[in-house]
Protein backbone atom coordinates (compact mmCIF):
# COMPACT_ATOMS: atom_id res chain seq x y z
CA MET A 1 23.39 -74.93 -2.54
CA THR A 2 24.15 -75.03 1.03
CA GLN A 3 24.04 -78.22 3.26
CA PRO A 4 21.37 -78.26 5.96
CA GLN A 5 22.54 -77.68 9.54
CA PRO A 6 22.47 -80.72 11.71
CA PRO A 7 20.32 -80.59 14.79
CA TYR A 8 21.67 -78.74 18.01
CA GLY A 9 24.35 -80.78 19.56
CA GLU A 10 25.11 -83.25 16.82
CA GLN A 11 28.30 -83.15 14.75
CA PRO A 12 28.03 -82.80 10.97
CA GLN A 13 28.60 -85.58 8.73
CA GLN A 14 31.98 -86.04 7.20
CA PRO A 15 32.58 -87.74 3.88
CA SER A 16 34.00 -91.16 4.40
CA GLY A 17 37.73 -91.31 5.07
CA VAL A 18 37.95 -87.67 5.99
CA GLN A 19 38.72 -86.38 9.53
CA PRO A 20 37.84 -83.03 10.80
CA TYR A 21 40.84 -80.50 11.00
CA GLY A 22 43.10 -81.09 13.92
CA GLN A 23 41.82 -84.96 14.29
CA GLN A 24 43.97 -86.53 11.76
CA PRO A 25 45.67 -89.73 13.01
CA PHE A 26 49.36 -89.53 13.50
CA ALA A 27 51.17 -91.01 10.60
CA HIS A 28 54.81 -92.40 11.19
CA PRO A 29 57.10 -90.98 8.34
CA ALA A 30 58.00 -94.65 7.50
CA GLN A 31 54.44 -95.22 6.50
CA ASN A 32 54.76 -92.77 3.81
CA PHE A 33 57.85 -94.41 2.45
CA GLY A 34 56.35 -97.00 0.25
CA HIS A 35 55.20 -95.55 -3.20
CA GLY A 36 53.79 -98.82 -4.64
CA SER A 37 50.42 -100.45 -3.67
CA GLY A 38 50.22 -98.99 -0.14
CA LEU A 39 51.31 -102.36 1.46
CA GLN A 40 54.21 -101.74 3.77
CA GLN A 41 57.14 -104.17 3.66
CA PRO A 42 58.91 -104.67 6.96
CA ALA A 43 62.40 -103.11 6.86
CA ALA A 44 65.14 -105.86 6.92
CA TYR A 45 67.42 -103.88 9.19
CA GLY A 46 64.82 -101.77 11.09
CA TYR A 47 64.09 -97.99 10.90
CA HIS A 48 66.09 -95.00 11.76
CA PRO A 49 64.85 -93.64 15.23
CA VAL A 50 64.53 -90.05 14.22
CA THR A 51 63.50 -89.97 10.58
CA GLY A 52 61.66 -93.32 10.55
CA LEU A 53 63.20 -94.17 7.08
CA PRO A 54 64.18 -97.86 6.68
CA TYR A 55 68.07 -98.49 6.93
CA SER A 56 69.98 -99.28 3.73
CA HIS A 57 71.45 -102.64 3.24
CA LYS A 58 74.79 -100.94 3.22
CA THR A 59 76.87 -100.21 6.25
CA LYS A 60 78.62 -97.14 7.41
CA LEU A 61 81.49 -99.17 8.51
CA ALA A 62 82.19 -100.71 5.10
CA ALA A 63 81.88 -97.29 3.44
CA GLY A 64 84.16 -95.61 5.88
CA LEU A 65 86.77 -98.28 5.79
CA LEU A 66 86.65 -98.37 1.84
CA SER A 67 86.98 -94.66 1.74
CA ILE A 68 90.01 -94.64 4.27
CA PHE A 69 91.96 -97.54 2.68
CA PHE A 70 90.81 -97.17 -1.10
CA GLY A 71 89.70 -93.73 -1.08
CA TYR A 72 92.21 -92.69 -3.72
CA PHE A 73 90.00 -94.58 -6.29
CA GLY A 74 86.67 -93.17 -4.63
CA ALA A 75 85.76 -96.75 -3.47
CA GLY A 76 83.70 -95.57 -0.21
CA ARG A 77 81.67 -93.35 -2.32
CA PHE A 78 81.11 -95.98 -5.09
CA TYR A 79 79.99 -98.25 -2.34
CA ALA A 80 77.54 -95.93 -0.98
CA GLY A 81 76.04 -95.20 -4.45
CA HIS A 82 77.48 -91.86 -5.03
CA THR A 83 79.10 -92.44 -8.28
CA GLY A 84 79.34 -88.73 -9.11
CA LEU A 85 81.48 -88.06 -6.00
CA GLY A 86 83.43 -91.41 -6.49
CA PHE A 87 84.34 -90.31 -10.14
CA ALA A 88 85.38 -86.81 -9.00
CA MET A 89 87.77 -88.26 -6.36
CA LEU A 90 89.14 -90.79 -8.96
CA ILE A 91 89.54 -88.17 -11.71
CA VAL A 92 91.12 -85.37 -9.32
CA ASN A 93 93.52 -87.77 -7.85
CA ILE A 94 94.65 -89.23 -11.14
CA VAL A 95 94.88 -85.98 -12.93
CA LEU A 96 96.73 -84.36 -10.06
CA THR A 97 99.17 -87.18 -9.75
CA VAL A 98 99.98 -87.17 -13.45
CA VAL A 99 100.20 -83.37 -13.57
CA SER A 100 102.59 -83.33 -10.44
CA LEU A 101 104.69 -86.11 -11.56
CA GLY A 102 103.59 -88.18 -8.60
CA MET A 103 104.07 -85.54 -5.99
CA TRP A 104 100.34 -85.52 -5.37
CA LEU A 105 100.43 -89.16 -3.87
CA PHE A 106 101.96 -87.68 -0.78
CA VAL A 107 98.88 -85.37 -0.50
CA ALA A 108 96.26 -87.60 -1.98
CA TRP A 109 95.47 -89.44 1.24
CA ILE A 110 94.07 -86.50 3.03
CA TRP A 111 90.66 -86.25 1.15
CA PRO A 112 89.84 -90.00 1.47
CA VAL A 113 90.67 -90.07 5.07
CA ILE A 114 88.65 -87.01 6.10
CA ASP A 115 85.82 -88.57 3.78
CA GLY A 116 86.21 -91.88 5.75
CA ILE A 117 85.62 -90.23 8.94
CA VAL A 118 82.60 -88.19 7.83
CA LEU A 119 81.09 -91.51 6.58
CA LEU A 120 81.89 -93.26 9.83
CA ALA A 121 80.86 -90.58 12.25
CA GLY A 122 77.99 -88.77 10.35
CA GLU A 123 74.74 -89.71 9.04
CA PRO A 124 75.39 -90.63 5.52
CA LYS A 125 72.84 -91.83 3.15
CA ASP A 126 73.00 -94.13 0.15
CA LYS A 127 71.85 -93.16 -3.55
CA ASN A 128 68.25 -93.74 -2.63
CA GLY A 129 68.41 -91.41 0.41
CA LEU A 130 68.20 -94.18 3.04
CA PRO A 131 70.50 -93.88 5.97
CA LEU A 132 73.45 -96.27 6.09
CA ARG A 133 73.18 -98.61 9.01
């Protein structure tokens, strides 16, 4: 069964809450972040200017410095919530130090320093995908 045509010059009636194609209101990406009741909580540290995601409560500075100074143990990645990468750094460094009878200690600082620079200069995210502030 077809719907009757509206009189000439009038727009067809749309079901409530539905906008015609191309007339959807602009939705900020941060509005879609909350998956709960639909009520948006204000972000404690603001929103990322490009993605619109709220900032994490963790900082790039802390993650980068932990990685540079304690990166042998994966501290920067553990702080950011990337436990898999933190354990990988820890296990690789311990195993290679034991296997090489301590000679790996002279080389083991390269990976954490580079990782710390990446954390400080890049756009790292925490375990929930939120950008570090």
